Amino acid sequence: MRAIFPIVFLLVVLPGCRQEDASLQLDAYAAAAATNRVTASAGLISAFKSGQVTADAALTHAFDKLQRGEDATAYAGAVLDMIETVTPMLNTGAEFEIFWRRVGRLAYTAAETAYLAKRAEEAETLMLAGGLRWQNEPYFLRYPDHDALVCVVMTQRGRRSEAIRRLESRPELQGPAQEAYDAIRAAR
């Protein structure tokens, strides 16, 4: 009985320690991203390749920061850049659709945060970040708010015709996407 205690202790405590270490490491990348998104992304890529950080942990960490109201758009961008770079090493099958949908939602949340802070140029770098895997018709039909944001930012950045074409290419416009289309077409 006594010999089992150390084994159980290691099985229960060590994963928690590793998770705490990963969280501290992610906090360090978040701080680094505030001054240099590219450097933070390179660090995240290296940490991912060495098995110190998972894409899911980084994604969740960035989401948590944004949802707490932190201005962590540069960090979210670094995470999205990392995911785009390591996509060939990630599972891209249909059974991982929820993960990829979360990548798209991080791109949306970060871009919306930057846009609302009147940083349209940064929003433009975030709105479609994270690679192409999540960018598909079912995603944009499910999340018309993302399509709307993309097109509003495009319009503000001088790409009005492209924004209109993007929305006109959808088989159906709903809610925010329809509202964005109507507003962009009405503005001259």
N, C-alpha and C. Protein backbone atom coordinates (compact mmCIF):
# COMPACT_ATOMS: atom_id res chain seq x y z
N MET A 1 0.82 -1.19 0.00
CA MET A 1 0.00 0.00 0.00
C MET A 1 0.86 1.25 0.00
N ARG A 2 1.92 1.21 0.75
CA ARG A 2 2.78 2.37 0.86
C ARG A 2 3.48 2.70 -0.46
N ALA A 3 3.83 1.70 -1.22
CA ALA A 3 4.53 1.91 -2.49
C ALA A 3 3.63 2.55 -3.53
N ILE A 4 2.34 2.40 -3.39
CA ILE A 4 1.41 2.96 -4.36
C ILE A 4 1.30 4.48 -4.21
N PHE A 5 1.40 5.01 -3.00
CA PHE A 5 1.24 6.44 -2.77
C PHE A 5 2.16 7.29 -3.64
N PRO A 6 3.48 7.02 -3.70
CA PRO A 6 4.34 7.86 -4.54
C PRO A 6 3.94 7.83 -6.02
N ILE A 7 3.50 6.69 -6.49
CA ILE A 7 3.11 6.59 -7.91
C ILE A 7 1.85 7.41 -8.16
N VAL A 8 0.86 7.27 -7.28
CA VAL A 8 -0.38 8.04 -7.43
C VAL A 8 -0.08 9.53 -7.32
N PHE A 9 0.79 9.91 -6.38
CA PHE A 9 1.18 11.31 -6.22
C PHE A 9 1.77 11.86 -7.52
N LEU A 10 2.66 11.10 -8.12
CA LEU A 10 3.30 11.55 -9.36
C LEU A 10 2.28 11.65 -10.49
N LEU A 11 1.37 10.71 -10.56
CA LEU A 11 0.37 10.74 -11.63
C LEU A 11 -0.60 11.91 -11.49
N VAL A 12 -0.88 12.30 -10.26
CA VAL A 12 -1.84 13.38 -10.03
C VAL A 12 -1.16 14.75 -10.03
N VAL A 13 -0.01 14.88 -9.40
CA VAL A 13 0.62 16.19 -9.21
C VAL A 13 1.44 16.62 -10.42
N LEU A 14 2.20 15.74 -11.02
CA LEU A 14 3.08 16.15 -12.11
C LEU A 14 2.34 16.73 -13.32
N PRO A 15 1.23 16.15 -13.77
CA PRO A 15 0.53 16.81 -14.88
C PRO A 15 0.10 18.22 -14.52
N GLY A 16 -0.30 18.45 -13.28
CA GLY A 16 -0.67 19.79 -12.84
C GLY A 16 0.52 20.73 -12.88
N CYS A 17 1.68 20.23 -12.50
CA CYS A 17 2.90 21.05 -12.54
C CYS A 17 3.23 21.41 -13.98
N ARG A 18 3.15 20.44 -14.86
CA ARG A 18 3.44 20.72 -16.27
C ARG A 18 2.46 21.73 -16.84
N GLN A 19 1.19 21.61 -16.45
CA GLN A 19 0.19 22.56 -16.92
C GLN A 19 0.48 23.95 -16.39
N GLU A 20 0.89 24.04 -15.13
CA GLU A 20 1.22 25.34 -14.55
C GLU A 20 2.45 25.93 -15.24
N ASP A 21 3.46 25.09 -15.51
CA ASP A 21 4.65 25.55 -16.22
C ASP A 21 4.28 26.06 -17.62
N ALA A 22 3.40 25.33 -18.30
CA ALA A 22 2.98 25.75 -19.64
C ALA A 22 2.24 27.09 -19.57
N SER A 23 1.41 27.26 -18.54
CA SER A 23 0.68 28.52 -18.39
C SER A 23 1.63 29.68 -18.14
N LEU A 24 2.65 29.45 -17.31
CA LEU A 24 3.65 30.50 -17.07
C LEU A 24 4.42 30.81 -18.35
N GLN A 25 4.72 29.77 -19.11
CA GLN A 25 5.43 29.97 -20.37
C GLN A 25 4.55 30.77 -21.34
N LEU A 26 3.26 30.44 -21.40
CA LEU A 26 2.35 31.17 -22.28
C LEU A 26 2.20 32.61 -21.83
N ASP A 27 2.18 32.84 -20.52
CA ASP A 27 2.14 34.22 -20.01
C ASP A 27 3.37 35.00 -20.50
N ALA A 28 4.52 34.34 -20.52
CA ALA A 28 5.75 35.01 -20.98
C ALA A 28 5.63 35.36 -22.47
N TYR A 29 5.05 34.46 -23.26
CA TYR A 29 4.87 34.76 -24.69
C TYR A 29 3.86 35.89 -24.88
N ALA A 30 2.84 35.92 -24.04
CA ALA A 30 1.85 37.00 -24.12
C ALA A 30 2.51 38.33 -23.83
N ALA A 31 3.37 38.37 -22.83
CA ALA A 31 4.08 39.61 -22.50
C ALA A 31 5.02 40.01 -23.64
N ALA A 32 5.69 39.03 -24.23
CA ALA A 32 6.61 39.32 -25.34
C ALA A 32 5.84 39.84 -26.56
N ALA A 33 4.65 39.31 -26.79
CA ALA A 33 3.86 39.72 -27.95
C ALA A 33 3.46 41.18 -27.87
N ALA A 34 3.32 41.70 -26.66
CA ALA A 34 2.94 43.10 -26.49
C ALA A 34 3.97 44.04 -27.12
N THR A 35 5.21 43.59 -27.22
CA THR A 35 6.24 44.42 -27.85
C THR A 35 6.63 43.91 -29.23
N ASN A 36 6.47 42.59 -29.48
CA ASN A 36 6.86 42.07 -30.79
C ASN A 36 6.12 40.76 -31.08
N ARG A 37 5.08 40.85 -31.90
CA ARG A 37 4.25 39.69 -32.24
C ARG A 37 5.06 38.62 -32.96
N VAL A 38 5.96 39.02 -33.84
CA VAL A 38 6.75 38.06 -34.63
C VAL A 38 7.67 37.24 -33.72
N THR A 39 8.32 37.90 -32.78
CA THR A 39 9.21 37.20 -31.86
C THR A 39 8.42 36.23 -30.99
N ALA A 40 7.27 36.67 -30.50
CA ALA A 40 6.43 35.80 -29.68
C ALA A 40 5.95 34.60 -30.48
N SER A 41 5.58 34.82 -31.72
CA SER A 41 5.14 33.72 -32.58
C SER A 41 6.27 32.71 -32.80
N ALA A 42 7.47 33.21 -33.05
CA ALA A 42 8.63 32.31 -33.25
C ALA A 42 8.88 31.48 -31.99
N GLY A 43 8.75 32.11 -30.82
CA GLY A 43 8.91 31.37 -29.57
C GLY A 43 7.84 30.32 -29.39
N LEU A 44 6.61 30.66 -29.73
CA LEU A 44 5.51 29.70 -29.63
C LEU A 44 5.72 28.52 -30.57
N ILE A 45 6.19 28.80 -31.78
CA ILE A 45 6.44 27.73 -32.75
C ILE A 45 7.51 26.78 -32.20
N SER A 46 8.56 27.34 -31.67
CA SER A 46 9.64 26.53 -31.10
C SER A 46 9.13 25.70 -29.92
N ALA A 47 8.34 26.33 -29.04
CA ALA A 47 7.79 25.62 -27.88
C ALA A 47 6.83 24.51 -28.33
N PHE A 48 6.07 24.75 -29.37
CA PHE A 48 5.16 23.73 -29.90
C PHE A 48 5.96 22.55 -30.45
N LYS A 49 6.96 22.85 -31.26
CA LYS A 49 7.76 21.79 -31.88
C LYS A 49 8.52 20.95 -30.85
N SER A 50 8.88 21.57 -29.74
CA SER A 50 9.60 20.83 -28.70
C SER A 50 8.65 20.14 -27.71
N GLY A 51 7.34 20.31 -27.91
CA GLY A 51 6.36 19.65 -27.07
C GLY A 51 6.08 20.36 -25.75
N GLN A 52 6.57 21.57 -25.60
CA GLN A 52 6.35 22.31 -24.35
C GLN A 52 4.98 22.98 -24.30
N VAL A 53 4.42 23.26 -25.47
CA VAL A 53 3.14 23.96 -25.57
C VAL A 53 2.31 23.27 -26.64
N THR A 54 1.01 23.12 -26.38
CA THR A 54 0.13 22.58 -27.41
C THR A 54 -0.62 23.72 -28.08
N ALA A 55 -1.06 23.48 -29.29
CA ALA A 55 -1.85 24.49 -30.01
C ALA A 55 -3.14 24.78 -29.25
N ASP A 56 -3.76 23.76 -28.70
CA ASP A 56 -5.00 23.94 -27.96
C ASP A 56 -4.78 24.79 -26.71
N ALA A 57 -3.69 24.54 -25.99
CA ALA A 57 -3.41 25.32 -24.78
C ALA A 57 -3.16 26.78 -25.12
N ALA A 58 -2.40 27.04 -26.17
CA ALA A 58 -2.13 28.42 -26.58
C ALA A 58 -3.42 29.11 -27.03
N LEU A 59 -4.23 28.40 -27.78
CA LEU A 59 -5.51 28.94 -28.25
C LEU A 59 -6.41 29.30 -27.07
N THR A 60 -6.53 28.40 -26.14
CA THR A 60 -7.37 28.63 -24.95
C THR A 60 -6.82 29.79 -24.12
N HIS A 61 -5.53 29.85 -23.96
CA HIS A 61 -4.88 30.90 -23.17
C HIS A 61 -5.17 32.28 -23.80
N ALA A 62 -5.03 32.38 -25.10
CA ALA A 62 -5.29 33.66 -25.79
C ALA A 62 -6.77 34.05 -25.66
N PHE A 63 -7.66 33.08 -25.85
CA PHE A 63 -9.10 33.34 -25.69
C PHE A 63 -9.40 33.85 -24.29
N ASP A 64 -8.84 33.17 -23.29
CA ASP A 64 -9.10 33.56 -21.90
C ASP A 64 -8.68 35.01 -21.65
N LYS A 65 -7.54 35.40 -22.17
CA LYS A 65 -7.06 36.77 -21.98
C LYS A 65 -8.03 37.78 -22.61
N LEU A 66 -8.46 37.50 -23.83
CA LEU A 66 -9.39 38.41 -24.51
C LEU A 66 -10.74 38.46 -23.80
N GLN A 67 -11.21 37.31 -23.35
CA GLN A 67 -12.51 37.26 -22.70
C GLN A 67 -12.50 37.92 -21.32
N ARG A 68 -11.32 38.02 -20.71
CA ARG A 68 -11.21 38.75 -19.44
C ARG A 68 -11.10 40.25 -19.67
N GLY A 69 -11.12 40.66 -20.94
CA GLY A 69 -11.05 42.09 -21.25
C GLY A 69 -9.65 42.62 -21.43
N GLU A 70 -8.67 41.74 -21.43
CA GLU A 70 -7.29 42.17 -21.64
C GLU A 70 -7.10 42.53 -23.11
N ASP A 71 -6.29 43.51 -23.36
CA ASP A 71 -5.97 43.86 -24.75
C ASP A 71 -4.81 42.98 -25.20
N ALA A 72 -5.14 41.74 -25.52
CA ALA A 72 -4.15 40.74 -25.87
C ALA A 72 -4.21 40.40 -27.36
N THR A 73 -4.52 41.39 -28.17
CA THR A 73 -4.65 41.13 -29.61
C THR A 73 -3.33 40.72 -30.25
N ALA A 74 -2.23 41.32 -29.81
CA ALA A 74 -0.92 40.94 -30.38
C ALA A 74 -0.59 39.50 -30.01
N TYR A 75 -0.91 39.11 -28.79
CA TYR A 75 -0.68 37.73 -28.37
C TYR A 75 -1.57 36.77 -29.16
N ALA A 76 -2.85 37.11 -29.31
CA ALA A 76 -3.74 36.28 -30.11
C ALA A 76 -3.20 36.15 -31.52
N GLY A 77 -2.68 37.24 -32.06
CA GLY A 77 -2.07 37.20 -33.39
C GLY A 77 -0.87 36.27 -33.43
N ALA A 78 -0.04 36.29 -32.39
CA ALA A 78 1.12 35.40 -32.34
C ALA A 78 0.67 33.94 -32.29
N VAL A 79 -0.38 33.66 -31.52
CA VAL A 79 -0.92 32.30 -31.43
C VAL A 79 -1.47 31.88 -32.80
N LEU A 80 -2.21 32.76 -33.44
CA LEU A 80 -2.76 32.45 -34.76
C LEU A 80 -1.65 32.25 -35.79
N ASP A 81 -0.61 33.06 -35.72
CA ASP A 81 0.54 32.89 -36.63
C ASP A 81 1.21 31.54 -36.39
N MET A 82 1.35 31.16 -35.12
CA MET A 82 1.93 29.86 -34.78
C MET A 82 1.08 28.73 -35.35
N ILE A 83 -0.23 28.82 -35.16
CA ILE A 83 -1.11 27.77 -35.66
C ILE A 83 -1.01 27.66 -37.18
N GLU A 84 -0.97 28.79 -37.86
CA GLU A 84 -0.84 28.75 -39.32
C GLU A 84 0.45 28.05 -39.73
N THR A 85 1.54 28.34 -39.04
CA THR A 85 2.83 27.75 -39.38
C THR A 85 2.87 26.25 -39.11
N VAL A 86 2.27 25.82 -37.99
CA VAL A 86 2.36 24.40 -37.62
C VAL A 86 1.17 23.58 -38.12
N THR A 87 0.30 24.16 -38.91
CA THR A 87 -0.87 23.42 -39.41
C THR A 87 -0.51 22.06 -40.01
N PRO A 88 0.59 21.94 -40.77
CA PRO A 88 0.91 20.60 -41.30
C PRO A 88 1.16 19.56 -40.20
N MET A 89 1.44 19.99 -38.99
CA MET A 89 1.69 19.08 -37.88
C MET A 89 0.44 18.84 -37.03
N LEU A 90 -0.65 19.51 -37.37
CA LEU A 90 -1.89 19.39 -36.61
C LEU A 90 -2.87 18.48 -37.35
N ASN A 91 -3.82 17.95 -36.60
CA ASN A 91 -4.88 17.14 -37.21
C ASN A 91 -5.85 18.08 -37.92
N THR A 92 -6.07 17.83 -39.19
CA THR A 92 -6.96 18.69 -39.97
C THR A 92 -8.23 17.98 -40.43
N GLY A 93 -8.42 16.75 -39.98
CA GLY A 93 -9.60 15.99 -40.37
C GLY A 93 -10.88 16.58 -39.82
N ALA A 94 -11.99 16.12 -40.38
CA ALA A 94 -13.30 16.61 -39.99
C ALA A 94 -13.59 16.40 -38.51
N GLU A 95 -12.99 15.37 -37.91
CA GLU A 95 -13.24 15.11 -36.49
C GLU A 95 -12.62 16.19 -35.59
N PHE A 96 -11.79 17.07 -36.15
CA PHE A 96 -11.18 18.17 -35.40
C PHE A 96 -11.80 19.52 -35.77
N GLU A 97 -13.00 19.47 -36.31
CA GLU A 97 -13.68 20.69 -36.76
C GLU A 97 -13.88 21.70 -35.64
N ILE A 98 -14.15 21.23 -34.44
CA ILE A 98 -14.38 22.16 -33.32
C ILE A 98 -13.10 22.95 -33.02
N PHE A 99 -11.96 22.28 -33.05
CA PHE A 99 -10.70 23.00 -32.83
C PHE A 99 -10.53 24.09 -33.89
N TRP A 100 -10.75 23.74 -35.15
CA TRP A 100 -10.55 24.72 -36.22
C TRP A 100 -11.57 25.85 -36.16
N ARG A 101 -12.77 25.53 -35.72
CA ARG A 101 -13.78 26.58 -35.53
C ARG A 101 -13.31 27.54 -34.43
N ARG A 102 -12.69 27.01 -33.39
CA ARG A 102 -12.16 27.85 -32.32
C ARG A 102 -11.04 28.75 -32.84
N VAL A 103 -10.25 28.26 -33.77
CA VAL A 103 -9.20 29.09 -34.38
C VAL A 103 -9.85 30.28 -35.07
N GLY A 104 -10.91 30.02 -35.84
CA GLY A 104 -11.63 31.10 -36.51
C GLY A 104 -12.23 32.08 -35.52
N ARG A 105 -12.78 31.57 -34.42
CA ARG A 105 -13.38 32.47 -33.43
C ARG A 105 -12.32 33.30 -32.71
N LEU A 106 -11.12 32.75 -32.53
CA LEU A 106 -10.05 33.57 -31.96
C LEU A 106 -9.68 34.68 -32.93
N ALA A 107 -9.60 34.36 -34.21
CA ALA A 107 -9.30 35.40 -35.21
C ALA A 107 -10.37 36.49 -35.17
N TYR A 108 -11.63 36.07 -35.06
CA TYR A 108 -12.72 37.05 -34.99
C TYR A 108 -12.62 37.90 -33.73
N THR A 109 -12.48 37.26 -32.59
CA THR A 109 -12.47 37.98 -31.31
C THR A 109 -11.31 38.96 -31.24
N ALA A 110 -10.13 38.53 -31.69
CA ALA A 110 -8.96 39.42 -31.67
C ALA A 110 -9.16 40.59 -32.64
N ALA A 111 -9.66 40.29 -33.84
CA ALA A 111 -9.88 41.35 -34.82
C ALA A 111 -10.95 42.33 -34.35
N GLU A 112 -12.01 41.82 -33.75
CA GLU A 112 -13.06 42.69 -33.24
C GLU A 112 -12.52 43.59 -32.12
N THR A 113 -11.71 43.02 -31.24
CA THR A 113 -11.12 43.79 -30.14
C THR A 113 -10.26 44.92 -30.70
N ALA A 114 -9.43 44.60 -31.69
CA ALA A 114 -8.57 45.62 -32.31
C ALA A 114 -9.41 46.67 -33.03
N TYR A 115 -10.43 46.23 -33.74
CA TYR A 115 -11.28 47.16 -34.49
C TYR A 115 -12.00 48.13 -33.55
N LEU A 116 -12.55 47.59 -32.47
CA LEU A 116 -13.27 48.44 -31.51
C LEU A 116 -12.33 49.41 -30.80
N ALA A 117 -11.04 49.06 -30.76
CA ALA A 117 -10.03 49.96 -30.17
C ALA A 117 -9.49 50.93 -31.23
N LYS A 118 -10.17 50.96 -32.37
CA LYS A 118 -9.82 51.86 -33.49
C LYS A 118 -8.44 51.55 -34.08
N ARG A 119 -8.14 50.26 -34.17
CA ARG A 119 -6.90 49.80 -34.78
C ARG A 119 -7.25 48.90 -35.97
N ALA A 120 -7.84 49.51 -36.99
CA ALA A 120 -8.31 48.75 -38.16
C ALA A 120 -7.16 48.05 -38.88
N GLU A 121 -6.00 48.68 -38.90
CA GLU A 121 -4.85 48.05 -39.57
C GLU A 121 -4.48 46.73 -38.86
N GLU A 122 -4.47 46.74 -37.54
CA GLU A 122 -4.19 45.51 -36.81
C GLU A 122 -5.32 44.51 -37.00
N ALA A 123 -6.56 44.98 -36.96
CA ALA A 123 -7.71 44.10 -37.16
C ALA A 123 -7.60 43.37 -38.50
N GLU A 124 -7.11 44.08 -39.51
CA GLU A 124 -6.95 43.47 -40.84
C GLU A 124 -5.95 42.31 -40.80
N THR A 125 -4.91 42.41 -39.95
CA THR A 125 -3.93 41.32 -39.87
C THR A 125 -4.45 40.14 -39.06
N LEU A 126 -5.49 40.34 -38.29
CA LEU A 126 -6.03 39.30 -37.42
C LEU A 126 -7.26 38.60 -37.98
N MET A 127 -8.06 39.29 -38.74
CA MET A 127 -9.40 38.82 -39.10
C MET A 127 -9.42 37.49 -39.86
N LEU A 128 -8.37 37.20 -40.60
CA LEU A 128 -8.30 35.93 -41.34
C LEU A 128 -7.01 35.16 -40.99
N ALA A 129 -6.47 35.44 -39.81
CA ALA A 129 -5.23 34.79 -39.39
C ALA A 129 -5.52 33.36 -38.93
N GLY A 130 -4.47 32.58 -38.82
CA GLY A 130 -4.62 31.21 -38.33
C GLY A 130 -4.65 30.18 -39.44
N GLY A 131 -4.40 30.60 -40.67
CA GLY A 131 -4.38 29.66 -41.79
C GLY A 131 -5.72 29.51 -42.47
N LEU A 132 -5.72 28.72 -43.51
CA LEU A 132 -6.93 28.55 -44.32
C LEU A 132 -7.85 27.43 -43.86
N ARG A 133 -7.37 26.54 -43.00
CA ARG A 133 -8.15 25.35 -42.64
C ARG A 133 -9.54 25.69 -42.10
N TRP A 134 -9.66 26.72 -41.29
CA TRP A 134 -10.95 27.06 -40.69
C TRP A 134 -11.82 27.91 -41.61
N GLN A 135 -11.24 28.50 -42.64
CA GLN A 135 -11.97 29.43 -43.51
C GLN A 135 -12.73 28.67 -44.59
N ASN A 136 -13.95 28.33 -44.29
CA ASN A 136 -14.76 27.61 -45.26
C ASN A 136 -16.21 28.11 -45.20
N GLU A 137 -16.96 27.74 -46.18
CA GLU A 137 -18.35 28.20 -46.29
C GLU A 137 -19.19 27.86 -45.05
N PRO A 138 -19.12 26.62 -44.55
CA PRO A 138 -19.92 26.33 -43.34
C PRO A 138 -19.55 27.22 -42.16
N TYR A 139 -18.27 27.55 -42.00
CA TYR A 139 -17.87 28.43 -40.89
C TYR A 139 -18.53 29.80 -41.05
N PHE A 140 -18.41 30.40 -42.22
CA PHE A 140 -18.93 31.76 -42.39
C PHE A 140 -20.45 31.80 -42.40
N LEU A 141 -21.11 30.70 -42.79
CA LEU A 141 -22.56 30.66 -42.68
C LEU A 141 -22.99 30.53 -41.22
N ARG A 142 -22.20 29.82 -40.45
CA ARG A 142 -22.50 29.65 -39.03
C ARG A 142 -22.22 30.93 -38.23
N TYR A 143 -21.20 31.68 -38.68
CA TYR A 143 -20.78 32.89 -37.96
C TYR A 143 -20.81 34.10 -38.89
N PRO A 144 -22.00 34.59 -39.21
CA PRO A 144 -22.09 35.74 -40.11
C PRO A 144 -21.47 37.00 -39.51
N ASP A 145 -21.30 37.04 -38.19
CA ASP A 145 -20.64 38.19 -37.57
C ASP A 145 -19.19 38.31 -38.03
N HIS A 146 -18.55 37.16 -38.27
CA HIS A 146 -17.16 37.18 -38.72
C HIS A 146 -17.07 37.73 -40.15
N ASP A 147 -17.94 37.26 -41.02
CA ASP A 147 -17.99 37.77 -42.40
C ASP A 147 -18.25 39.27 -42.39
N ALA A 148 -19.18 39.70 -41.54
CA ALA A 148 -19.50 41.13 -41.46
C ALA A 148 -18.28 41.94 -41.03
N LEU A 149 -17.59 41.48 -40.01
CA LEU A 149 -16.41 42.18 -39.53
C LEU A 149 -15.33 42.27 -40.62
N VAL A 150 -15.09 41.15 -41.28
CA VAL A 150 -14.09 41.13 -42.36
C VAL A 150 -14.43 42.19 -43.40
N CYS A 151 -15.68 42.25 -43.79
CA CYS A 151 -16.07 43.18 -44.85
C CYS A 151 -16.08 44.63 -44.38
N VAL A 152 -16.44 44.87 -43.14
CA VAL A 152 -16.39 46.23 -42.61
C VAL A 152 -14.94 46.71 -42.56
N VAL A 153 -14.05 45.85 -42.09
CA VAL A 153 -12.63 46.22 -42.03
C VAL A 153 -12.08 46.43 -43.44
N MET A 154 -12.42 45.54 -44.36
CA MET A 154 -11.98 45.69 -45.75
C MET A 154 -12.42 47.05 -46.29
N THR A 155 -13.66 47.39 -46.05
CA THR A 155 -14.20 48.66 -46.54
C THR A 155 -13.44 49.83 -45.93
N GLN A 156 -13.25 49.78 -44.65
CA GLN A 156 -12.53 50.86 -43.97
C GLN A 156 -11.09 50.97 -44.47
N ARG A 157 -10.51 49.87 -44.89
CA ARG A 157 -9.13 49.86 -45.36
C ARG A 157 -9.04 50.08 -46.87
N GLY A 158 -10.15 50.51 -47.50
CA GLY A 158 -10.13 50.87 -48.92
C GLY A 158 -10.38 49.72 -49.88
N ARG A 159 -10.97 48.65 -49.39
CA ARG A 159 -11.22 47.47 -50.23
C ARG A 159 -12.72 47.18 -50.33
N ARG A 160 -13.49 48.24 -50.58
CA ARG A 160 -14.95 48.15 -50.61
C ARG A 160 -15.45 47.15 -51.66
N SER A 161 -14.93 47.23 -52.87
CA SER A 161 -15.37 46.33 -53.95
C SER A 161 -15.13 44.87 -53.58
N GLU A 162 -13.98 44.61 -52.98
CA GLU A 162 -13.66 43.24 -52.56
C GLU A 162 -14.62 42.77 -51.48
N ALA A 163 -14.97 43.66 -50.57
CA ALA A 163 -15.92 43.32 -49.50
C ALA A 163 -17.28 42.97 -50.08
N ILE A 164 -17.73 43.77 -51.04
CA ILE A 164 -19.04 43.50 -51.67
C ILE A 164 -19.00 42.16 -52.39
N ARG A 165 -17.94 41.91 -53.15
CA ARG A 165 -17.82 40.63 -53.87
C ARG A 165 -17.82 39.46 -52.89
N ARG A 166 -17.12 39.63 -51.79
CA ARG A 166 -17.05 38.56 -50.78
C ARG A 166 -18.45 38.21 -50.29
N LEU A 167 -19.22 39.23 -49.92
CA LEU A 167 -20.56 38.97 -49.40
C LEU A 167 -21.50 38.46 -50.49
N GLU A 168 -21.35 38.95 -51.70
CA GLU A 168 -22.20 38.48 -52.80
C GLU A 168 -21.90 37.03 -53.17
N SER A 169 -20.72 36.54 -52.80
CA SER A 169 -20.36 35.15 -53.13
C SER A 169 -21.02 34.14 -52.19
N ARG A 170 -21.56 34.60 -51.10
CA ARG A 170 -22.21 33.70 -50.14
C ARG A 170 -23.56 33.25 -50.68
N PRO A 171 -23.92 31.99 -50.49
CA PRO A 171 -25.22 31.52 -50.96
C PRO A 171 -26.37 32.16 -50.20
N GLU A 172 -26.08 32.62 -48.99
CA GLU A 172 -27.12 33.21 -48.16
C GLU A 172 -26.45 34.17 -47.17
N LEU A 173 -27.05 35.33 -47.00
CA LEU A 173 -26.55 36.28 -46.01
C LEU A 173 -27.55 36.32 -44.86
N GLN A 174 -27.00 36.28 -43.64
CA GLN A 174 -27.85 36.30 -42.46
C GLN A 174 -27.36 37.36 -41.50
N GLY A 175 -28.29 37.88 -40.73
CA GLY A 175 -27.98 38.78 -39.63
C GLY A 175 -26.92 39.82 -39.94
N PRO A 176 -25.81 39.79 -39.19
CA PRO A 176 -24.77 40.81 -39.34
C PRO A 176 -24.18 40.89 -40.75
N ALA A 177 -24.06 39.76 -41.42
CA ALA A 177 -23.51 39.78 -42.79
C ALA A 177 -24.44 40.54 -43.73
N GLN A 178 -25.75 40.32 -43.60
CA GLN A 178 -26.72 41.04 -44.43
C GLN A 178 -26.69 42.53 -44.10
N GLU A 179 -26.62 42.85 -42.81
CA GLU A 179 -26.57 44.26 -42.39
C GLU A 179 -25.32 44.94 -42.92
N ALA A 180 -24.18 44.25 -42.86
CA ALA A 180 -22.92 44.82 -43.37
C ALA A 180 -23.03 45.03 -44.87
N TYR A 181 -23.59 44.06 -45.57
CA TYR A 181 -23.75 44.17 -47.02
C TYR A 181 -24.61 45.39 -47.38
N ASP A 182 -25.73 45.54 -46.70
CA ASP A 182 -26.63 46.66 -46.97
C ASP A 182 -25.92 48.00 -46.69
N ALA A 183 -25.21 48.07 -45.58
CA ALA A 183 -24.52 49.32 -45.21
C ALA A 183 -23.39 49.64 -46.17
N ILE A 184 -22.63 48.64 -46.58
CA ILE A 184 -21.50 48.87 -47.49
C ILE A 184 -22.03 49.29 -48.87
N ARG A 185 -23.08 48.64 -49.32
CA ARG A 185 -23.66 49.01 -50.64
C ARG A 185 -24.26 50.42 -50.59
N ALA A 186 -24.87 50.79 -49.47
CA ALA A 186 -25.51 52.10 -49.37
C ALA A 186 -24.50 53.24 -49.27
N ALA A 187 -23.35 52.95 -48.70
CA ALA A 187 -22.32 53.99 -48.54
C ALA A 187 -21.66 54.26 -49.89
N ARG A 188 -21.57 55.49 -50.23
CA ARG A 188 -20.94 55.85 -51.51
C ARG A 188 -19.76 56.71 -51.28
